[in-house]
Amino acid sequence: MKLTKLRNRFLGVSAVALLFAGGWEWQNYQCALKMPVVLGEPVIVEIHKGDSFQQITKTLTTLNLPIQPLWFKVLAIEKQAFNKLKAGEYELKSGMTMPDILALFSSGKTKRYAITFPEGWTLKQVLQSLSDNPKLDHQIKNADTSELMAKLGASGQHPEGLFFPDTYFFEKHTSDIALLTSAYRKLQSTLEEAWQHRAEGLPIKSAYEALILASIVEKETGKAEERPQIAGVFIRRLQQGMLLQTDPTVIYGMGESYQGNIRHQDLITSTPYNTYVIKGLPPTPIAMPGKAAINAALHPDNSDKLYFVAKGDGSHQFSTTLEEHNQAVNTYQKKP
């Protein structure tokens, strides 16, 4: 085996040496190495698993890149990279030369894409985003929630809220389930760490209950400075046995019937998520909370506020008594 490798290497080096016997050819080779192959916009090249060096060269020339096949092959032999080019999708940037391209293909530094799951998204929105992404391999299309959680190794869990909102980077042909697995694991680690450092005396029995509360906080406000205040209101309501009376849970419980408005009938219709009717937390999260919302749920403010109302500018007016709250409602919600 060693003799064969030595012989092949000797033959390759010998071929290169013969080729360079004439100074003219040597000059051509040096010019070819320095000449930019990519001009203008970046070019995307995909090397498929099992592609031969000849097939890779053909792919480059098919894309109208001025690769000189002979010199490209000579370069690969010289750099001992002939059989070391890795499969994947690569981005060839303007100004790259043949040595740059060969080095890139040998490194395996493939093009990476990004997908973002914003804070407050529901599972339905996450799955739609994955389904719409053409760079992913789709393995969970039309899968029901039990099948989905089984693939994640979390059978029996309700999937809503169990994925961390973030930007995830991936290579072409990454599976959608692989991305979901990353988001699931990141949520678990983030939640567990936050739970271990929670404030004392909270009326929350588990990390999962904290996640449920965090999802409500996430949907109630997008202002970072208000999250502990919103969480504080709900914590005190739980402590005093008051109804949470939060609209986002009502909307979630309405499902597809929600058309942009909550009617009085919706507020008195019993669903597992209607916190105007049920006491305590709903049975599951209603969206994906971010780290800030999780921390707010586990470190609420310690004021005496029990009510809040939207002011119309994205912020809220907080009140201690029902009388103050009704005055705030008249100020900010009642039309003149």
Protein backbone atom coordinates (compact mmCIF):
# COMPACT_ATOMS: atom_id res chain seq x y z
CA MET A 1 0.00 0.00 0.00
CA LYS A 2 2.80 2.42 0.92
CA LEU A 3 4.71 1.56 -2.27
CA THR A 4 1.59 2.27 -4.33
CA LYS A 5 1.10 5.66 -2.72
CA LEU A 6 4.74 6.53 -3.20
CA ARG A 7 4.59 5.45 -6.82
CA ASN A 8 1.46 7.53 -7.50
CA ARG A 9 2.97 10.55 -5.85
CA PHE A 10 6.19 10.08 -7.79
CA LEU A 11 4.29 9.82 -11.05
CA GLY A 12 2.28 12.94 -10.23
CA VAL A 13 5.35 14.95 -9.31
CA SER A 14 7.14 13.63 -12.37
CA ALA A 15 4.26 14.73 -14.58
CA VAL A 16 4.39 18.19 -13.08
CA ALA A 17 8.16 18.33 -13.54
CA LEU A 18 7.91 17.32 -17.20
CA LEU A 19 5.18 19.86 -17.75
CA PHE A 20 7.36 22.60 -16.34
CA ALA A 21 10.40 21.55 -18.35
CA GLY A 22 9.76 24.47 -20.64
CA GLY A 23 9.90 27.91 -19.11
CA TRP A 24 6.92 29.03 -21.20
CA GLU A 25 4.59 26.52 -19.57
CA TRP A 26 5.89 27.46 -16.15
CA GLN A 27 5.06 31.09 -16.84
CA ASN A 28 1.55 30.16 -18.04
CA TYR A 29 0.99 28.17 -14.86
CA GLN A 30 2.09 31.04 -12.62
CA CYS A 31 -0.17 33.45 -14.47
CA ALA A 32 -3.11 31.04 -14.12
CA LEU A 33 -2.56 30.82 -10.36
CA LYS A 34 -2.69 34.59 -9.92
CA MET A 35 -5.62 35.31 -12.23
CA PRO A 36 -8.93 36.03 -10.45
CA VAL A 37 -11.48 33.40 -11.42
CA VAL A 38 -14.52 35.06 -9.83
CA LEU A 39 -15.47 38.54 -10.97
CA GLY A 40 -18.47 40.55 -9.82
CA GLU A 41 -21.17 38.82 -7.78
CA PRO A 42 -20.37 35.74 -5.64
CA VAL A 43 -20.97 32.37 -7.27
CA ILE A 44 -22.56 29.44 -5.45
CA VAL A 45 -21.07 26.02 -6.22
CA GLU A 46 -22.31 22.72 -4.86
CA ILE A 47 -20.09 19.64 -4.69
CA HIS A 48 -22.18 16.52 -4.37
CA LYS A 49 -21.10 13.53 -2.34
CA GLY A 50 -19.12 11.19 -4.57
CA ASP A 51 -18.23 13.82 -7.20
CA SER A 52 -14.90 13.13 -8.87
CA PHE A 53 -12.30 15.83 -9.40
CA GLN A 54 -13.24 15.87 -13.07
CA GLN A 55 -16.91 16.38 -12.20
CA ILE A 56 -16.03 19.22 -9.83
CA THR A 57 -13.97 20.90 -12.54
CA LYS A 58 -16.84 20.50 -14.99
CA THR A 59 -19.22 22.09 -12.50
CA LEU A 60 -16.96 25.13 -12.29
CA THR A 61 -16.64 25.51 -16.05
CA THR A 62 -20.40 25.04 -16.49
CA LEU A 63 -20.84 28.10 -14.29
CA ASN A 64 -18.72 30.01 -16.82
CA LEU A 65 -15.83 30.39 -14.41
CA PRO A 66 -12.54 30.68 -16.35
CA ILE A 67 -10.98 27.68 -14.64
CA GLN A 68 -8.20 26.10 -16.68
CA PRO A 69 -8.82 22.39 -16.07
CA LEU A 70 -5.21 21.32 -16.71
CA TRP A 71 -3.72 23.87 -14.34
CA PHE A 72 -6.43 23.20 -11.76
CA LYS A 73 -5.50 19.52 -11.82
CA VAL A 74 -1.79 20.28 -11.64
CA LEU A 75 -2.43 22.57 -8.66
CA ALA A 76 -4.42 19.84 -6.90
CA ILE A 77 -1.60 17.35 -7.42
CA GLU A 78 0.99 19.86 -6.22
CA LYS A 79 -1.05 20.62 -3.06
CA GLN A 80 -1.86 16.92 -2.50
CA ALA A 81 -5.55 17.85 -2.51
CA PHE A 82 -6.67 15.82 -5.50
CA ASN A 83 -8.89 13.49 -3.45
CA LYS A 84 -9.51 15.78 -0.48
CA LEU A 85 -12.23 18.09 -1.79
CA LYS A 86 -15.26 17.97 0.50
CA ALA A 87 -18.92 17.82 -0.48
CA GLY A 88 -21.13 20.79 0.26
CA GLU A 89 -22.29 24.15 -1.01
CA TYR A 90 -19.64 26.86 -1.31
CA GLU A 91 -19.73 30.59 -1.91
CA LEU A 92 -16.97 31.76 -4.26
CA LYS A 93 -16.38 35.45 -3.66
CA SER A 94 -15.16 38.07 -6.09
CA GLY A 95 -11.41 38.05 -6.59
CA MET A 96 -10.86 34.39 -5.67
CA THR A 97 -8.16 32.56 -7.62
CA MET A 98 -7.76 28.86 -8.38
CA PRO A 99 -5.60 28.31 -5.25
CA ASP A 100 -8.26 30.11 -3.16
CA ILE A 101 -11.01 27.89 -4.56
CA LEU A 102 -9.01 24.71 -4.07
CA ALA A 103 -8.22 25.69 -0.48
CA LEU A 104 -11.90 26.45 0.17
CA PHE A 105 -13.05 23.10 -1.23
CA SER A 106 -10.40 21.32 0.83
CA SER A 107 -11.34 23.14 4.05
CA GLY A 108 -15.00 22.13 3.96
CA LYS A 109 -16.03 25.66 4.98
CA THR A 110 -19.38 25.49 3.27
CA LYS A 111 -21.90 28.31 2.85
CA ARG A 112 -24.12 28.82 5.85
CA TYR A 113 -27.66 30.10 5.91
CA ALA A 114 -29.63 31.66 8.75
CA ILE A 115 -33.18 31.19 9.97
CA THR A 116 -34.69 33.26 12.76
CA PHE A 117 -37.46 32.29 15.17
CA PRO A 118 -38.57 35.59 16.78
CA GLU A 119 -39.59 35.87 20.41
CA GLY A 120 -43.34 35.42 20.79
CA TRP A 121 -43.78 33.13 17.80
CA THR A 122 -46.04 30.12 18.11
CA LEU A 123 -45.15 26.59 17.04
CA LYS A 124 -47.35 27.02 13.98
CA GLN A 125 -45.27 29.98 12.82
CA VAL A 126 -42.01 28.12 13.44
CA LEU A 127 -43.14 25.10 11.43
CA GLN A 128 -44.34 27.32 8.60
CA SER A 129 -40.98 29.09 8.48
CA LEU A 130 -39.17 25.76 8.29
CA SER A 131 -41.53 24.49 5.61
CA ASP A 132 -40.99 27.60 3.49
CA ASN A 133 -37.19 27.39 3.59
CA PRO A 134 -35.93 25.79 0.34
CA LYS A 135 -32.43 25.09 1.70
CA LEU A 136 -33.61 22.61 4.32
CA ASP A 137 -34.35 18.93 3.96
CA HIS A 138 -37.98 18.60 5.05
CA GLN A 139 -38.58 15.59 7.28
CA ILE A 140 -41.49 16.75 9.42
CA LYS A 141 -43.96 18.14 6.90
CA ASN A 142 -47.50 17.19 7.87
CA ALA A 143 -46.25 15.50 11.06
CA ASP A 144 -48.62 15.83 14.00
CA THR A 145 -47.40 17.06 17.37
CA SER A 146 -46.93 13.57 18.81
CA GLU A 147 -44.77 12.51 15.85
CA LEU A 148 -42.79 15.73 16.10
CA MET A 149 -41.99 15.31 19.78
CA ALA A 150 -41.14 11.64 19.27
CA LYS A 151 -38.53 12.66 16.69
CA LEU A 152 -37.09 15.05 19.28
CA GLY A 153 -36.92 12.29 21.87
CA ALA A 154 -39.50 14.11 23.99
CA SER A 155 -42.60 11.97 23.56
CA GLY A 156 -45.64 13.06 25.52
CA GLN A 157 -44.66 16.72 25.82
CA HIS A 158 -46.78 19.51 24.39
CA PRO A 159 -44.50 21.29 21.86
CA GLU A 160 -45.76 24.86 22.25
CA GLY A 161 -43.11 27.10 23.79
CA LEU A 162 -40.44 24.39 23.95
CA PHE A 163 -38.15 25.96 21.33
CA PHE A 164 -35.79 28.83 22.00
CA PRO A 165 -36.31 31.94 19.87
CA ASP A 166 -33.02 32.76 18.20
CA THR A 167 -31.15 32.86 14.89
CA TYR A 168 -29.82 29.47 13.84
CA PHE A 169 -27.17 28.87 11.17
CA PHE A 170 -27.13 25.82 8.95
CA GLU A 171 -25.72 24.32 5.77
CA LYS A 172 -27.80 23.37 2.76
CA HIS A 173 -29.54 19.99 3.18
CA THR A 174 -29.63 20.30 6.98
CA SER A 175 -32.87 18.72 8.16
CA ASP A 176 -35.66 20.73 9.71
CA ILE A 177 -35.73 18.33 12.64
CA ALA A 178 -32.03 19.05 13.29
CA LEU A 179 -32.77 22.77 13.64
CA LEU A 180 -35.74 22.10 15.89
CA THR A 181 -33.59 19.83 18.02
CA SER A 182 -31.07 22.63 18.49
CA ALA A 183 -33.83 25.07 19.43
CA TYR A 184 -35.39 22.53 21.83
CA ARG A 185 -32.10 21.82 23.59
CA LYS A 186 -31.26 25.51 23.89
CA LEU A 187 -34.63 26.21 25.50
CA GLN A 188 -34.13 23.36 27.97
CA SER A 189 -30.67 24.56 29.02
CA THR A 190 -31.74 28.22 29.23
CA LEU A 191 -34.82 27.40 31.29
CA GLU A 192 -32.98 25.05 33.64
CA GLU A 193 -30.25 27.61 34.35
CA ALA A 194 -32.82 30.34 35.01
CA TRP A 195 -34.86 28.03 37.25
CA GLN A 196 -31.81 27.25 39.37
CA HIS A 197 -31.33 30.96 40.05
CA ARG A 198 -34.98 31.94 40.57
CA ALA A 199 -36.13 34.36 43.22
CA GLU A 200 -37.50 32.94 46.46
CA GLY A 201 -41.15 32.74 47.40
CA LEU A 202 -42.63 32.48 43.91
CA PRO A 203 -46.04 30.78 43.53
CA ILE A 204 -44.58 28.65 40.73
CA LYS A 205 -44.07 24.94 41.30
CA SER A 206 -41.85 23.99 38.37
CA ALA A 207 -39.66 25.27 35.56
CA TYR A 208 -42.45 24.42 33.16
CA GLU A 209 -44.88 26.69 35.01
CA ALA A 210 -42.23 29.42 34.79
CA LEU A 211 -42.11 28.83 31.05
CA ILE A 212 -45.89 29.19 30.80
CA LEU A 213 -45.80 32.48 32.71
CA ALA A 214 -42.84 33.69 30.62
CA SER A 215 -44.78 33.03 27.42
CA ILE A 216 -47.63 35.24 28.68
CA VAL A 217 -45.18 37.98 29.64
CA GLU A 218 -43.64 37.73 26.18
CA LYS A 219 -46.99 38.21 24.46
CA GLU A 220 -48.10 41.04 26.75
CA THR A 221 -45.24 43.44 26.05
CA GLY A 222 -42.31 43.93 23.74
CA LYS A 223 -40.68 46.51 25.99
CA ALA A 224 -37.75 45.02 27.86
CA GLU A 225 -38.08 47.35 30.84
CA GLU A 226 -41.73 46.36 31.37
CA ARG A 227 -41.27 42.60 31.50
CA PRO A 228 -40.48 42.40 35.24
CA GLN A 229 -43.45 44.68 35.95
CA ILE A 230 -45.83 42.56 33.86
CA ALA A 231 -44.49 39.41 35.52
CA GLY A 232 -44.90 41.03 38.92
CA VAL A 233 -48.58 41.74 38.30
CA PHE A 234 -49.24 38.11 37.39
CA ILE A 235 -47.17 36.76 40.28
CA ARG A 236 -49.16 38.83 42.78
CA ARG A 237 -52.42 37.78 41.17
CA LEU A 238 -51.42 34.12 41.55
CA GLN A 239 -50.43 34.72 45.16
CA GLN A 240 -53.79 36.36 45.94
CA GLY A 241 -55.90 33.83 44.03
CA MET A 242 -57.03 36.40 41.46
CA LEU A 243 -57.78 35.55 37.85
CA LEU A 244 -54.92 36.44 35.52
CA GLN A 245 -57.32 37.94 32.96
CA THR A 246 -54.77 38.22 30.16
CA ASP A 247 -55.97 38.60 26.56
CA PRO A 248 -53.14 36.67 24.84
CA THR A 249 -54.25 33.45 26.53
CA VAL A 250 -57.82 34.04 25.38
CA ILE A 251 -56.63 34.59 21.82
CA TYR A 252 -54.53 31.41 21.92
CA GLY A 253 -57.49 29.42 23.19
CA MET A 254 -59.69 30.75 20.40
CA GLY A 255 -57.39 29.24 17.77
CA GLU A 256 -58.47 29.80 14.17
CA SER A 257 -61.68 31.50 15.25
CA TYR A 258 -59.75 34.59 16.34
CA GLN A 259 -60.16 37.24 13.63
CA GLY A 260 -58.43 40.20 15.23
CA ASN A 261 -60.95 41.16 17.92
CA ILE A 262 -61.99 39.74 21.29
CA ARG A 263 -65.72 39.98 21.93
CA HIS A 264 -67.43 39.83 25.30
CA GLN A 265 -68.67 36.36 24.38
CA ASP A 266 -65.07 35.23 23.93
CA LEU A 267 -64.18 36.41 27.43
CA ILE A 268 -66.91 34.34 29.05
CA THR A 269 -66.49 31.23 26.86
CA SER A 270 -64.64 28.56 28.80
CA THR A 271 -61.48 27.15 27.21
CA PRO A 272 -58.40 25.73 28.96
CA TYR A 273 -56.64 28.99 28.08
CA ASN A 274 -59.30 31.55 28.98
CA THR A 275 -57.76 33.16 32.07
CA TYR A 276 -60.88 35.29 32.50
CA VAL A 277 -62.63 32.04 33.46
CA ILE A 278 -59.99 29.60 34.74
CA LYS A 279 -57.90 30.19 37.84
CA GLY A 280 -54.15 30.04 37.71
CA LEU A 281 -51.95 29.42 34.69
CA PRO A 282 -53.13 27.85 31.44
CA PRO A 283 -51.98 24.26 30.82
CA THR A 284 -49.16 25.06 28.38
CA PRO A 285 -47.14 28.00 27.10
CA ILE A 286 -48.86 30.10 24.43
CA ALA A 287 -45.72 31.09 22.50
CA MET A 288 -41.92 31.01 22.59
CA PRO A 289 -40.58 33.27 25.35
CA GLY A 290 -37.09 34.70 25.08
CA LYS A 291 -34.46 34.70 27.80
CA ALA A 292 -35.52 38.14 29.07
CA ALA A 293 -39.13 37.02 29.53
CA ILE A 294 -38.02 33.84 31.31
CA ASN A 295 -35.81 35.85 33.66
CA ALA A 296 -38.64 38.31 34.28
CA ALA A 297 -41.01 35.48 35.23
CA LEU A 298 -38.47 34.20 37.74
CA HIS A 299 -37.37 37.65 38.95
CA PRO A 300 -40.52 39.82 38.94
CA ASP A 301 -40.60 43.30 40.40
CA ASN A 302 -41.71 43.59 44.01
CA SER A 303 -44.16 46.49 43.76
CA ASP A 304 -47.83 46.35 44.75
CA LYS A 305 -49.27 46.75 41.22
CA LEU A 306 -52.13 44.41 40.33
CA TYR A 307 -53.41 45.88 37.06
CA PHE A 308 -52.12 47.27 33.79
CA VAL A 309 -53.63 48.68 30.64
CA ALA A 310 -52.11 49.42 27.23
CA LYS A 311 -51.47 53.11 26.61
CA GLY A 312 -51.53 52.81 22.84
CA ASP A 313 -47.84 53.48 22.31
CA GLY A 314 -46.57 50.00 23.16
CA SER A 315 -46.23 50.73 26.86
CA HIS A 316 -48.61 50.15 29.78
CA GLN A 317 -50.05 52.05 32.71
CA PHE A 318 -49.76 50.06 35.96
CA SER A 319 -52.18 50.47 38.86
CA THR A 320 -52.49 49.19 42.41
CA THR A 321 -56.25 49.44 42.92
CA LEU A 322 -59.20 48.62 40.71
CA GLU A 323 -60.32 52.25 40.96
CA GLU A 324 -56.98 53.47 39.61
CA HIS A 325 -57.12 50.85 36.90
CA ASN A 326 -60.60 51.91 35.78
CA GLN A 327 -59.42 55.50 35.57
CA ALA A 328 -56.47 54.38 33.42
CA VAL A 329 -58.82 52.41 31.17
CA ASN A 330 -60.97 55.52 30.70
CA THR A 331 -57.89 57.56 29.88
CA TYR A 332 -56.21 55.22 27.46
CA GLN A 333 -58.87 52.85 26.14
CA LYS A 334 -62.21 54.66 25.99
CA LYS A 335 -62.70 56.63 22.82
CA PRO A 336 -64.02 60.21 23.23
